[in-house]
Amino acid sequence: MSAWRNTLVYAWNPISIVGFALTLVGTGLIVSFSAIEVMHEVHNPYLGILIYFFFPLLLVFGMLLVPIGIFLTRNRSRSIDPDGVPQYPVLDFNDLKKRKIALFFTVATLVLSVLITLSAVKGYEFTESVIFCGKLCHVAMEPEYVAWQRSPHAKVKCVECHVGSGVKWYVRAKASGTRQMLAVLFNTFPRPIETPVMSLRPSRDTCEGCHWPEKFFSPRLKKFYHYAPNEKNTPRETDLLIFINGTPETPLEGGVHWHIGQEVTYISRDKKRQDIPYISVKGKDGKIREYLTSEKPLGKGEAANGEKRIMDCIDCHNRPSHIYKSPGEAVDAHLHAGVIDASLPYFKKVAVGLMTSAAYKTTGEAKDAIAGGIHDYYDRNYPVLAREKSARIQQAITESQELYETNFFPRMNASWRTYPNNIGHFNFPGCFRCHDDKHKSADGHVIRKDCDLCHKVMRQIQENVPAGAAVTSFTHPVDIGDELYKSNCSDCHQPSKIQHEEGKKRAEL
């Protein structure tokens, strides 16, 4: 029975043979595909999944099969000849053959362990990469990934904001990511992806790694460029001095970032945090002042038992990296940059009207409609200009198609209308969720709806503002009287009303 005592004979069984084969195949695939990735600089999320997860698992599975097969074969031989096969293997290093076998298995195990460790490290780095977050779940994450690429944070990795440093949040993020990946695999993810992210790490642990609140104190001049939806695409310009200021530790306390230096807590009625009926502010003296809205006030006990959230950066800066622009804003930016010819009559009105049709089921359908609609409009209404400026019209069409593609995502039912942007108060309530003159405390304090709290109009260039006139407050392009102060901007400019009006304009064209 000496053959049964030979380790090579024990290894010569179907299970171990399959294990050896899988180990060799896994090793070969890891090495060869890694070489392809490095030499040809291929960055593909699916290739990464194969190199850092699937192939290493294949290798580990093969390595486990080899000793399992040996163990089962040896047990079977011992049951046949219990006296001839000892209970435990005997390693006699004086036997050259056994010494070579032991050396082979030791070296092979060490080499393969190093390979598996390197794969694990690279796999960790891969799961922290933008390609993993943005491209692996390409359908579900397409809107966020595209918007991020055009944001001020396009050079900041996803994990730097969504995970941050530390093992605790890494584990939580990967547990959440596993659920999301299963939802993608089984096609059960919501369309559109729901926001806000309830499990998002507090911004003080992430945002403030770069943004230092204690140093926010200088007012900032910001220019807003708009174009009228008329024949001349008349340019409009508004210069706002925004009072950034900061916390009690900064030279100028107050302004927009006053909220950072206080402990502000609120209750929202809706998941998107747009309806805020309760706010509390903890003063420097430790006293808490509570504000309740007089419009749809909380019921008895709701303020005491409601879920309270401490306000942080993302309650206002809720779209710092995934920014969608309304068609009007997007066309304005391109007209100002000169990539769309502002001399094309009624271009803003035509392009915005075409982009906002609710009938488009696919991006391709929308792009065809935009191209056909713009060509048709100028061919019918300005035939001479259509011939003379055909190249400029085609460039404007291409830019408009790209604007649609980067702000509308039919497959995910997502667009600029889907996600409220709380910075400002133009298309969505934003600041006016709290600053509405309706939140009052028991001792008579009111959260004021006062434009001068946050900014001051320095200059306006507009059709109804005389050239060179001193401007002290915002002048609306159309005289709407006291409604400018009584109503919120979003009451008229909210997505649903914009869509209705733009649909009417498109019908007129």
Protein backbone atom coordinates (compact mmCIF):
# COMPACT_ATOMS: atom_id res chain seq x y z
CA MET A 1 0.00 0.00 0.00
CA SER A 2 2.99 2.31 -0.36
CA ALA A 3 1.23 4.01 -3.28
CA TRP A 4 -1.52 5.16 -0.92
CA ARG A 5 1.12 6.77 1.21
CA ASN A 6 2.40 8.78 -1.71
CA THR A 7 1.08 12.32 -1.57
CA LEU A 8 1.09 12.60 -5.34
CA VAL A 9 -1.23 9.60 -5.51
CA TYR A 10 -3.54 11.23 -2.96
CA ALA A 11 -3.56 14.35 -5.12
CA TRP A 12 -4.40 12.35 -8.22
CA ASN A 13 -8.18 12.53 -7.85
CA PRO A 14 -10.89 14.39 -9.80
CA ILE A 15 -11.50 17.03 -7.11
CA SER A 16 -7.83 17.96 -6.69
CA ILE A 17 -7.21 17.85 -10.43
CA VAL A 18 -10.06 20.33 -10.96
CA GLY A 19 -8.57 22.41 -8.13
CA PHE A 20 -5.14 22.43 -9.77
CA ALA A 21 -6.72 23.41 -13.10
CA LEU A 22 -8.77 26.25 -11.57
CA THR A 23 -5.72 27.51 -9.67
CA LEU A 24 -3.61 27.59 -12.83
CA VAL A 25 -6.40 29.20 -14.88
CA GLY A 26 -7.13 31.80 -12.18
CA THR A 27 -3.44 32.67 -11.84
CA GLY A 28 -2.96 32.90 -15.60
CA LEU A 29 -6.02 35.10 -16.06
CA ILE A 30 -5.05 37.49 -13.25
CA VAL A 31 -1.50 37.90 -14.58
CA SER A 32 -2.46 38.20 -18.27
CA PHE A 33 -5.41 40.55 -17.82
CA SER A 34 -3.46 42.71 -15.35
CA ALA A 35 -0.68 42.99 -17.93
CA ILE A 36 -3.21 44.03 -20.59
CA GLU A 37 -4.68 46.64 -18.24
CA VAL A 38 -1.25 48.11 -17.41
CA MET A 39 0.36 47.97 -20.87
CA HIS A 40 -2.65 49.22 -22.83
CA GLU A 41 -3.99 51.51 -20.06
CA VAL A 42 -7.42 49.93 -20.28
CA HIS A 43 -9.81 51.27 -17.61
CA ASN A 44 -12.99 49.27 -17.75
CA PRO A 45 -15.19 48.58 -14.69
CA TYR A 46 -16.14 45.10 -15.89
CA LEU A 47 -12.50 44.20 -16.50
CA GLY A 48 -11.77 45.37 -12.96
CA ILE A 49 -14.49 43.10 -11.57
CA LEU A 50 -12.91 40.15 -13.38
CA ILE A 51 -9.30 40.91 -12.37
CA TYR A 52 -9.86 41.85 -8.73
CA PHE A 53 -12.86 39.74 -7.77
CA PHE A 54 -13.87 36.92 -10.12
CA PHE A 55 -10.43 35.59 -11.06
CA PRO A 56 -9.08 35.71 -7.46
CA LEU A 57 -12.20 33.86 -6.25
CA LEU A 58 -11.57 31.26 -8.94
CA LEU A 59 -7.97 30.95 -7.73
CA VAL A 60 -8.96 30.63 -4.05
CA PHE A 61 -11.68 28.11 -4.87
CA GLY A 62 -9.13 26.01 -6.80
CA MET A 63 -6.62 26.20 -3.95
CA LEU A 64 -9.26 24.94 -1.51
CA LEU A 65 -10.29 22.07 -3.77
CA VAL A 66 -6.75 20.62 -3.86
CA PRO A 67 -6.44 19.82 -0.10
CA ILE A 68 -10.12 18.84 0.08
CA GLY A 69 -9.57 16.25 -2.66
CA ILE A 70 -6.40 14.96 -0.96
CA PHE A 71 -8.17 14.73 2.39
CA LEU A 72 -11.14 12.79 0.98
CA THR A 73 -8.91 10.44 -1.03
CA ARG A 74 -6.68 9.74 1.97
CA ASN A 75 -9.67 9.05 4.20
CA ARG A 76 -11.06 6.67 1.64
CA SER A 77 -7.71 4.81 1.40
CA ARG A 78 -7.49 4.63 5.20
CA SER A 79 -10.96 3.11 5.41
CA ILE A 80 -9.71 0.38 3.07
CA ASP A 81 -6.38 -0.14 4.85
CA PRO A 82 -6.55 1.41 8.37
CA ASP A 83 -3.33 -0.29 9.46
CA GLY A 84 -1.35 0.73 6.39
CA VAL A 85 -2.34 4.39 6.40
CA PRO A 86 -1.58 6.32 9.62
CA GLN A 87 -4.24 8.61 11.08
CA TYR A 88 -2.15 11.71 10.35
CA PRO A 89 0.26 12.32 7.46
CA VAL A 90 3.90 11.62 8.25
CA LEU A 91 6.30 14.27 6.95
CA ASP A 92 9.68 12.65 6.69
CA PHE A 93 12.05 15.30 5.38
CA ASN A 94 14.78 12.73 5.09
CA ASP A 95 12.81 11.39 2.14
CA LEU A 96 13.94 13.48 -0.86
CA LYS A 97 10.66 12.96 -2.72
CA LYS A 98 8.56 14.13 0.23
CA ARG A 99 10.91 17.03 0.82
CA LYS A 100 10.49 18.19 -2.79
CA ILE A 101 6.70 17.82 -2.59
CA ALA A 102 6.58 19.82 0.66
CA LEU A 103 8.82 22.51 -0.82
CA PHE A 104 6.69 22.71 -3.96
CA PHE A 105 3.43 23.13 -2.00
CA THR A 106 5.03 25.67 0.38
CA VAL A 107 6.46 27.85 -2.41
CA ALA A 108 3.29 27.58 -4.50
CA THR A 109 1.13 28.54 -1.50
CA LEU A 110 3.34 31.53 -0.69
CA VAL A 111 3.37 32.76 -4.30
CA LEU A 112 -0.38 32.35 -4.68
CA SER A 113 -0.99 34.00 -1.28
CA VAL A 114 1.05 37.03 -2.38
CA LEU A 115 -0.94 37.16 -5.61
CA ILE A 116 -4.24 36.97 -3.70
CA THR A 117 -3.10 39.67 -1.27
CA LEU A 118 -2.11 42.00 -4.11
CA SER A 119 -5.47 41.34 -5.78
CA ALA A 120 -7.26 42.15 -2.51
CA VAL A 121 -5.35 45.44 -2.14
CA LYS A 122 -5.99 46.39 -5.76
CA GLY A 123 -9.61 45.29 -5.34
CA TYR A 124 -9.96 47.66 -2.38
CA GLU A 125 -8.50 50.49 -4.47
CA PHE A 126 -10.83 49.58 -7.32
CA THR A 127 -13.93 49.79 -5.10
CA GLU A 128 -12.78 53.27 -4.07
CA SER A 129 -12.39 54.44 -7.68
CA VAL A 130 -14.70 56.72 -9.65
CA ILE A 131 -14.93 54.14 -12.43
CA PHE A 132 -16.36 51.59 -9.95
CA CYS A 133 -18.93 54.04 -8.57
CA GLY A 134 -19.95 55.70 -11.81
CA LYS A 135 -19.59 53.18 -14.60
CA LEU A 136 -20.18 49.74 -13.11
CA CYS A 137 -23.87 50.46 -12.47
CA HIS A 138 -23.99 52.51 -15.65
CA VAL A 139 -27.78 52.71 -16.01
CA ALA A 140 -28.63 53.45 -12.38
CA MET A 141 -25.76 55.89 -11.82
CA GLU A 142 -25.65 57.52 -15.26
CA PRO A 143 -27.39 60.78 -14.23
CA GLU A 144 -25.20 61.28 -11.15
CA TYR A 145 -22.00 60.32 -12.97
CA VAL A 146 -22.64 62.63 -15.92
CA ALA A 147 -23.59 65.53 -13.65
CA TRP A 148 -20.51 64.96 -11.46
CA GLN A 149 -18.19 65.11 -14.50
CA ARG A 150 -19.35 68.68 -15.18
CA SER A 151 -19.35 69.87 -11.59
CA PRO A 152 -16.81 71.91 -9.57
CA HIS A 153 -15.94 68.66 -7.76
CA ALA A 154 -15.10 66.69 -10.92
CA LYS A 155 -11.56 66.10 -9.61
CA VAL A 156 -12.80 64.84 -6.24
CA LYS A 157 -13.40 61.09 -5.93
CA CYS A 158 -16.87 59.86 -5.00
CA VAL A 159 -15.62 58.19 -1.81
CA GLU A 160 -14.04 61.38 -0.50
CA CYS A 161 -17.54 62.84 -0.05
CA HIS A 162 -19.70 59.74 0.28
CA VAL A 163 -17.43 57.67 2.54
CA GLY A 164 -14.48 59.63 3.91
CA SER A 165 -11.75 58.10 6.05
CA GLY A 166 -12.05 55.39 8.67
CA VAL A 167 -13.00 51.71 8.77
CA LYS A 168 -16.48 52.26 10.23
CA TRP A 169 -17.81 54.30 7.34
CA TYR A 170 -16.00 52.15 4.77
CA VAL A 171 -17.77 49.04 6.08
CA ARG A 172 -21.12 50.86 6.18
CA ALA A 173 -20.62 52.12 2.63
CA LYS A 174 -19.73 48.67 1.28
CA ALA A 175 -22.70 47.08 3.05
CA SER A 176 -24.96 49.69 1.49
CA GLY A 177 -23.19 49.27 -1.86
CA THR A 178 -23.76 45.50 -1.78
CA ARG A 179 -27.50 46.06 -1.44
CA GLN A 180 -27.41 48.53 -4.29
CA MET A 181 -25.44 46.15 -6.50
CA LEU A 182 -27.99 43.39 -5.86
CA ALA A 183 -30.74 45.84 -6.79
CA VAL A 184 -28.92 46.53 -10.07
CA LEU A 185 -28.38 42.81 -10.76
CA PHE A 186 -32.05 42.03 -10.20
CA ASN A 187 -33.23 45.28 -11.82
CA THR A 188 -35.14 46.37 -8.71
CA PHE A 189 -33.56 49.82 -8.25
CA PRO A 190 -35.90 52.84 -8.22
CA ARG A 191 -36.17 55.15 -11.24
CA PRO A 192 -35.18 57.85 -10.46
CA ILE A 193 -32.75 57.13 -7.62
CA GLU A 194 -34.25 58.59 -4.46
CA THR A 195 -32.65 61.48 -2.60
CA PRO A 196 -31.49 62.62 -0.15
CA VAL A 197 -29.23 59.75 0.88
CA MET A 198 -30.40 59.05 4.41
CA SER A 199 -27.22 57.21 5.42
CA LEU A 200 -24.86 59.90 4.11
CA ARG A 201 -21.98 60.74 6.42
CA PRO A 202 -22.25 64.15 8.14
CA SER A 203 -20.62 66.86 6.04
CA ARG A 204 -18.37 67.97 8.92
CA ASP A 205 -16.50 64.67 8.47
CA THR A 206 -16.11 65.07 4.70
CA CYS A 207 -16.75 68.54 3.20
CA GLU A 208 -14.82 70.30 5.93
CA GLY A 209 -11.69 68.38 5.01
CA CYS A 210 -11.31 71.00 2.25
CA HIS A 211 -13.79 73.74 3.13
CA TRP A 212 -12.89 75.54 6.35
CA PRO A 213 -15.95 77.26 7.87
CA GLU A 214 -13.90 79.32 10.31
CA LYS A 215 -12.33 81.10 7.32
CA PHE A 216 -15.59 81.97 5.50
CA PHE A 217 -16.01 85.69 6.01
CA SER A 218 -15.47 87.70 2.82
CA PRO A 219 -18.53 88.75 0.79
CA ARG A 220 -18.51 87.38 -2.74
CA LEU A 221 -19.54 89.15 -5.94
CA LYS A 222 -21.39 86.81 -8.27
CA LYS A 223 -22.60 87.60 -11.78
CA PHE A 224 -25.73 86.03 -13.21
CA TYR A 225 -26.12 86.02 -16.98
CA HIS A 226 -29.50 85.52 -18.62
CA TYR A 227 -30.94 86.00 -22.10
CA ALA A 228 -34.50 87.00 -22.89
CA PRO A 229 -36.59 84.55 -24.95
CA ASN A 230 -37.14 87.14 -27.67
CA GLU A 231 -35.96 87.63 -31.24
CA LYS A 232 -32.68 89.25 -30.21
CA ASN A 233 -31.98 86.91 -27.27
CA THR A 234 -31.46 90.16 -25.35
CA PRO A 235 -28.74 89.74 -22.70
CA ARG A 236 -29.50 90.42 -19.05
CA GLU A 237 -26.96 90.66 -16.25
CA THR A 238 -27.32 90.85 -12.49
CA ASP A 239 -24.43 91.46 -10.09
CA LEU A 240 -25.08 90.21 -6.55
CA LEU A 241 -22.87 90.79 -3.55
CA ILE A 242 -23.43 87.66 -1.48
CA PHE A 243 -22.76 87.95 2.22
CA ILE A 244 -20.83 84.74 2.87
CA ASN A 245 -19.50 85.85 6.26
CA GLY A 246 -19.37 83.01 8.75
CA THR A 247 -19.36 81.68 12.27
CA PRO A 248 -18.88 83.50 15.58
CA GLU A 249 -15.15 82.70 15.31
CA THR A 250 -14.78 84.71 12.06
CA PRO A 251 -14.20 88.47 11.70
CA LEU A 252 -17.71 89.01 10.31
CA GLU A 253 -20.37 86.96 12.05
CA GLY A 254 -23.63 86.58 10.18
CA GLY A 255 -24.57 86.23 6.52
CA VAL A 256 -25.20 82.95 4.79
CA HIS A 257 -22.79 80.91 6.90
CA TRP A 258 -24.27 82.13 10.16
CA HIS A 259 -26.07 78.78 10.20
CA ILE A 260 -22.76 76.92 10.61
CA GLY A 261 -21.93 78.62 13.90
CA GLN A 262 -25.27 77.78 15.49
CA GLU A 263 -26.91 74.51 16.35
CA VAL A 264 -29.95 74.64 14.11
CA THR A 265 -32.36 71.71 14.25
CA TYR A 266 -35.42 71.15 12.10
CA ILE A 267 -38.23 68.72 11.32
CA SER A 268 -39.30 68.06 7.73
CA ARG A 269 -42.62 66.61 6.68
CA ASP A 270 -41.33 65.10 3.42
CA LYS A 271 -38.37 62.91 2.51
CA LYS A 272 -36.89 65.56 0.21
CA ARG A 273 -36.73 68.04 3.13
CA GLN A 274 -38.67 70.73 1.32
CA ASP A 275 -41.53 71.21 3.80
CA ILE A 276 -40.04 72.41 7.10
CA PRO A 277 -42.68 73.29 9.70
CA TYR A 278 -40.39 73.33 12.77
CA ILE A 279 -37.00 74.92 13.47
CA SER A 280 -35.04 75.36 16.68
CA VAL A 281 -31.93 77.46 17.25
CA LYS A 282 -29.58 77.03 20.20
CA GLY A 283 -28.08 80.37 21.16
CA LYS A 284 -24.64 81.13 22.57
CA ASP A 285 -26.17 81.16 26.04
CA GLY A 286 -27.45 77.60 25.56
CA LYS A 287 -31.09 78.65 25.36
CA ILE A 288 -33.20 77.12 22.64
CA ARG A 289 -35.72 79.15 20.65
CA GLU A 290 -38.31 77.17 18.67
CA TYR A 291 -40.01 78.44 15.52
CA LEU A 292 -43.27 76.97 14.20
CA THR A 293 -44.83 77.80 10.85
CA SER A 294 -48.21 79.48 10.92
CA GLU A 295 -49.06 77.80 7.62
CA LYS A 296 -49.98 74.13 8.11
CA PRO A 297 -48.55 74.01 11.65
CA LEU A 298 -47.46 70.78 13.27
CA GLY A 299 -50.09 68.84 15.16
CA LYS A 300 -50.08 68.41 18.89
CA GLY A 301 -47.02 66.42 19.98
CA GLU A 302 -45.46 66.35 16.49
CA ALA A 303 -42.77 68.87 17.42
CA ALA A 304 -41.81 66.84 20.48
CA ASN A 305 -41.91 63.45 18.80
CA GLY A 306 -40.88 64.31 15.23
CA GLU A 307 -37.53 63.23 13.78
CA LYS A 308 -35.14 66.15 14.28
CA ARG A 309 -32.12 66.74 12.06
CA ILE A 310 -29.20 68.99 12.92
CA MET A 311 -28.62 71.31 9.98
CA ASP A 312 -25.31 70.96 8.17
CA CYS A 313 -23.73 72.02 4.88
CA ILE A 314 -25.72 69.73 2.60
CA ASP A 315 -29.06 71.06 3.80
CA CYS A 316 -28.35 74.05 1.55
CA HIS A 317 -25.50 72.72 -0.62
CA ASN A 318 -27.47 69.57 -1.40
CA ARG A 319 -26.29 69.35 -5.03
CA PRO A 320 -22.60 70.30 -4.75
CA SER A 321 -21.40 67.68 -7.22
CA HIS A 322 -24.45 66.33 -9.03
CA ILE A 323 -25.72 69.56 -10.57
CA TYR A 324 -28.49 69.57 -13.13
CA LYS A 325 -29.35 72.80 -14.93
CA SER A 326 -32.72 73.86 -16.24
CA PRO A 327 -32.76 74.23 -20.04
CA GLY A 328 -33.02 78.00 -19.66
CA GLU A 329 -29.96 78.23 -17.42
CA ALA A 330 -28.00 75.82 -19.61
CA VAL A 331 -28.76 77.73 -22.83
CA ASP A 332 -27.95 81.03 -21.08
CA ALA A 333 -24.51 79.73 -20.11
CA HIS A 334 -23.76 78.59 -23.67
CA LEU A 335 -24.99 81.85 -25.18
CA HIS A 336 -22.78 83.80 -22.78
CA ALA A 337 -19.78 81.58 -23.56
CA GLY A 338 -20.31 82.17 -27.28
CA VAL A 339 -20.56 78.49 -28.21
CA ILE A 340 -24.14 79.21 -29.32
CA ASP A 341 -24.59 82.19 -31.63
CA ALA A 342 -26.75 84.76 -29.80
CA SER A 343 -27.63 86.42 -33.11
CA LEU A 344 -29.83 83.47 -34.13
CA PRO A 345 -33.36 84.90 -33.77
CA TYR A 346 -35.47 83.45 -30.96
CA PHE A 347 -32.91 80.71 -30.40
CA LYS A 348 -33.37 80.50 -26.63
CA LYS A 349 -37.14 80.26 -26.93
CA VAL A 350 -36.93 77.62 -29.68
CA ALA A 351 -34.23 75.47 -28.06
CA VAL A 352 -35.72 75.52 -24.57
CA GLY A 353 -39.17 74.74 -25.95
CA LEU A 354 -37.84 71.72 -27.84
CA MET A 355 -35.78 70.39 -24.94
CA THR A 356 -38.64 70.44 -22.46
CA SER A 357 -41.15 68.31 -24.32
CA ALA A 358 -42.42 65.58 -22.00
CA ALA A 359 -42.96 63.15 -24.85
CA TYR A 360 -39.36 62.00 -25.33
CA LYS A 361 -38.91 58.38 -24.31
CA THR A 362 -35.23 58.11 -25.26
CA THR A 363 -32.28 60.46 -25.57
CA GLY A 364 -31.98 59.60 -29.26
CA GLU A 365 -35.58 60.58 -29.89
CA ALA A 366 -35.03 63.91 -28.10
CA LYS A 367 -31.86 64.70 -30.06
CA ASP A 368 -33.61 63.99 -33.36
CA ALA A 369 -36.53 66.20 -32.37
CA ILE A 370 -34.20 69.04 -31.31
CA ALA A 371 -32.27 68.89 -34.58
CA GLY A 372 -35.39 68.62 -36.72
CA GLY A 373 -37.25 71.32 -34.79
CA ILE A 374 -34.45 73.92 -34.98
CA HIS A 375 -33.79 73.27 -38.68
CA ASP A 376 -37.49 73.44 -39.45
CA TYR A 377 -37.98 76.69 -37.50
CA TYR A 378 -35.22 78.59 -39.32
CA ASP A 379 -36.05 77.07 -42.72
CA ARG A 380 -39.66 78.26 -42.36
CA ASN A 381 -39.17 81.63 -40.67
CA TYR A 382 -35.66 82.74 -41.68
CA PRO A 383 -34.76 80.89 -44.92
CA VAL A 384 -32.00 83.31 -45.96
CA LEU A 385 -30.38 83.19 -42.51
CA ALA A 386 -30.73 79.39 -42.48
CA ARG A 387 -28.54 79.22 -45.60
CA GLU A 388 -26.05 81.90 -44.58
CA LYS A 389 -25.57 80.61 -41.03
CA SER A 390 -26.04 76.90 -41.59
CA ALA A 391 -22.77 76.07 -39.82
CA ARG A 392 -23.63 78.21 -36.78
CA ILE A 393 -27.10 76.69 -36.64
CA GLN A 394 -25.63 73.19 -36.78
CA GLN A 395 -23.21 74.02 -33.98
CA ALA A 396 -26.09 75.42 -31.91
CA ILE A 397 -28.05 72.20 -32.55
CA THR A 398 -25.10 70.06 -31.44
CA GLU A 399 -24.70 72.12 -28.25
CA SER A 400 -28.45 71.92 -27.52
CA GLN A 401 -28.42 68.16 -27.97
CA GLU A 402 -25.53 67.88 -25.52
CA LEU A 403 -27.39 70.08 -23.03
CA TYR A 404 -30.35 67.74 -23.21
CA GLU A 405 -28.11 64.69 -22.86
CA THR A 406 -26.45 66.05 -19.72
CA ASN A 407 -29.60 67.23 -17.94
CA PHE A 408 -32.29 64.73 -19.01
CA PHE A 409 -32.08 60.95 -18.54
CA PRO A 410 -35.22 59.23 -19.87
CA ARG A 411 -34.06 55.72 -18.91
CA MET A 412 -33.92 56.76 -15.26
CA ASN A 413 -36.90 59.16 -15.32
CA ALA A 414 -34.47 61.78 -14.06
CA SER A 415 -33.85 65.37 -15.07
CA TRP A 416 -33.19 68.79 -13.57
CA ARG A 417 -36.82 68.75 -12.40
CA THR A 418 -36.35 65.61 -10.30
CA TYR A 419 -33.97 66.82 -7.62
CA PRO A 420 -34.59 70.10 -5.76
CA ASN A 421 -31.55 72.35 -5.52
CA ASN A 422 -31.61 74.25 -2.22
CA ILE A 423 -28.94 76.81 -3.08
CA GLY A 424 -30.80 80.03 -3.78
CA HIS A 425 -34.54 80.14 -4.39
CA PHE A 426 -35.17 80.40 -8.14
CA ASN A 427 -36.60 77.06 -9.32
CA PHE A 428 -37.11 75.54 -5.87
CA PRO A 429 -38.01 77.05 -2.46
CA GLY A 430 -34.42 76.71 -1.17
CA CYS A 431 -33.81 79.47 1.38
CA PHE A 432 -37.53 80.20 1.60
CA ARG A 433 -38.20 76.81 3.17
CA CYS A 434 -37.36 78.59 6.43
CA HIS A 435 -37.03 82.29 5.55
CA ASP A 436 -40.68 82.94 4.73
CA ASP A 437 -41.97 85.35 7.41
CA LYS A 438 -44.20 82.48 8.61
CA HIS A 439 -41.91 80.72 11.08
CA LYS A 440 -42.49 82.40 14.46
CA SER A 441 -41.34 81.74 18.00
CA ALA A 442 -43.47 81.97 21.14
CA ASP A 443 -41.76 85.25 22.13
CA GLY A 444 -42.52 86.93 18.81
CA HIS A 445 -39.30 86.41 16.82
CA VAL A 446 -39.80 85.75 13.09
CA ILE A 447 -37.45 84.11 10.57
CA ARG A 448 -37.47 86.97 8.10
CA LYS A 449 -37.91 86.77 4.37
CA ASP A 450 -35.53 89.62 3.71
CA CYS A 451 -33.39 89.66 0.56
CA ASP A 452 -30.77 91.90 2.18
CA LEU A 453 -29.98 89.27 4.81
CA CYS A 454 -28.00 87.26 2.29
CA HIS A 455 -27.18 89.49 -0.67
CA LYS A 456 -27.36 92.93 -2.22
CA VAL A 457 -28.01 93.83 -5.86
CA MET A 458 -25.09 95.91 -7.10
CA ARG A 459 -25.98 96.27 -10.79
CA GLN A 460 -28.53 95.15 -13.36
CA ILE A 461 -28.39 95.26 -17.15
CA GLN A 462 -31.89 94.66 -18.43
CA GLU A 463 -34.46 96.00 -20.90
CA ASN A 464 -36.50 97.76 -18.21
CA VAL A 465 -33.53 99.17 -16.26
CA PRO A 466 -32.13 102.47 -17.62
CA ALA A 467 -28.49 102.23 -18.63
CA GLY A 468 -26.23 103.45 -15.83
CA ALA A 469 -29.09 103.71 -13.33
CA ALA A 470 -28.24 103.05 -9.68
CA VAL A 471 -29.88 99.82 -8.54
CA THR A 472 -30.74 99.20 -4.91
CA SER A 473 -33.03 96.19 -5.25
CA PHE A 474 -33.83 93.55 -7.83
CA THR A 475 -35.97 94.64 -10.77
CA HIS A 476 -38.04 91.85 -12.34
CA PRO A 477 -37.92 91.73 -16.18
CA VAL A 478 -41.71 92.02 -16.14
CA ASP A 479 -43.47 94.36 -13.71
CA ILE A 480 -45.31 92.06 -11.29
CA GLY A 481 -45.83 94.63 -8.56
CA ASP A 482 -45.83 93.53 -4.94
CA GLU A 483 -45.88 89.87 -5.98
CA LEU A 484 -42.11 90.13 -6.28
CA TYR A 485 -42.00 90.20 -2.47
CA LYS A 486 -45.20 88.40 -1.57
CA SER A 487 -44.54 85.29 -3.65
CA ASN A 488 -41.53 83.02 -3.93
CA CYS A 489 -39.56 82.92 -7.17
CA SER A 490 -40.26 79.19 -7.36
CA ASP A 491 -44.01 79.80 -7.32
CA CYS A 492 -43.65 80.78 -10.99
CA HIS A 493 -40.31 79.24 -11.89
CA GLN A 494 -40.91 75.81 -10.35
CA PRO A 495 -40.33 72.92 -12.79
CA SER A 496 -43.99 71.96 -13.26
CA LYS A 497 -45.02 75.50 -14.25
CA ILE A 498 -41.95 75.99 -16.43
CA GLN A 499 -42.73 72.73 -18.21
CA HIS A 500 -46.32 73.87 -18.82
CA GLU A 501 -45.28 77.27 -20.18
CA GLU A 502 -42.49 75.86 -22.32
CA GLY A 503 -44.86 73.26 -23.71
CA LYS A 504 -47.18 76.10 -24.77
CA LYS A 505 -44.28 77.93 -26.41
CA ARG A 506 -43.27 74.80 -28.27
CA ALA A 507 -46.84 74.38 -29.52
CA GLU A 508 -46.77 77.98 -30.78
CA LEU A 509 -43.62 77.25 -32.80
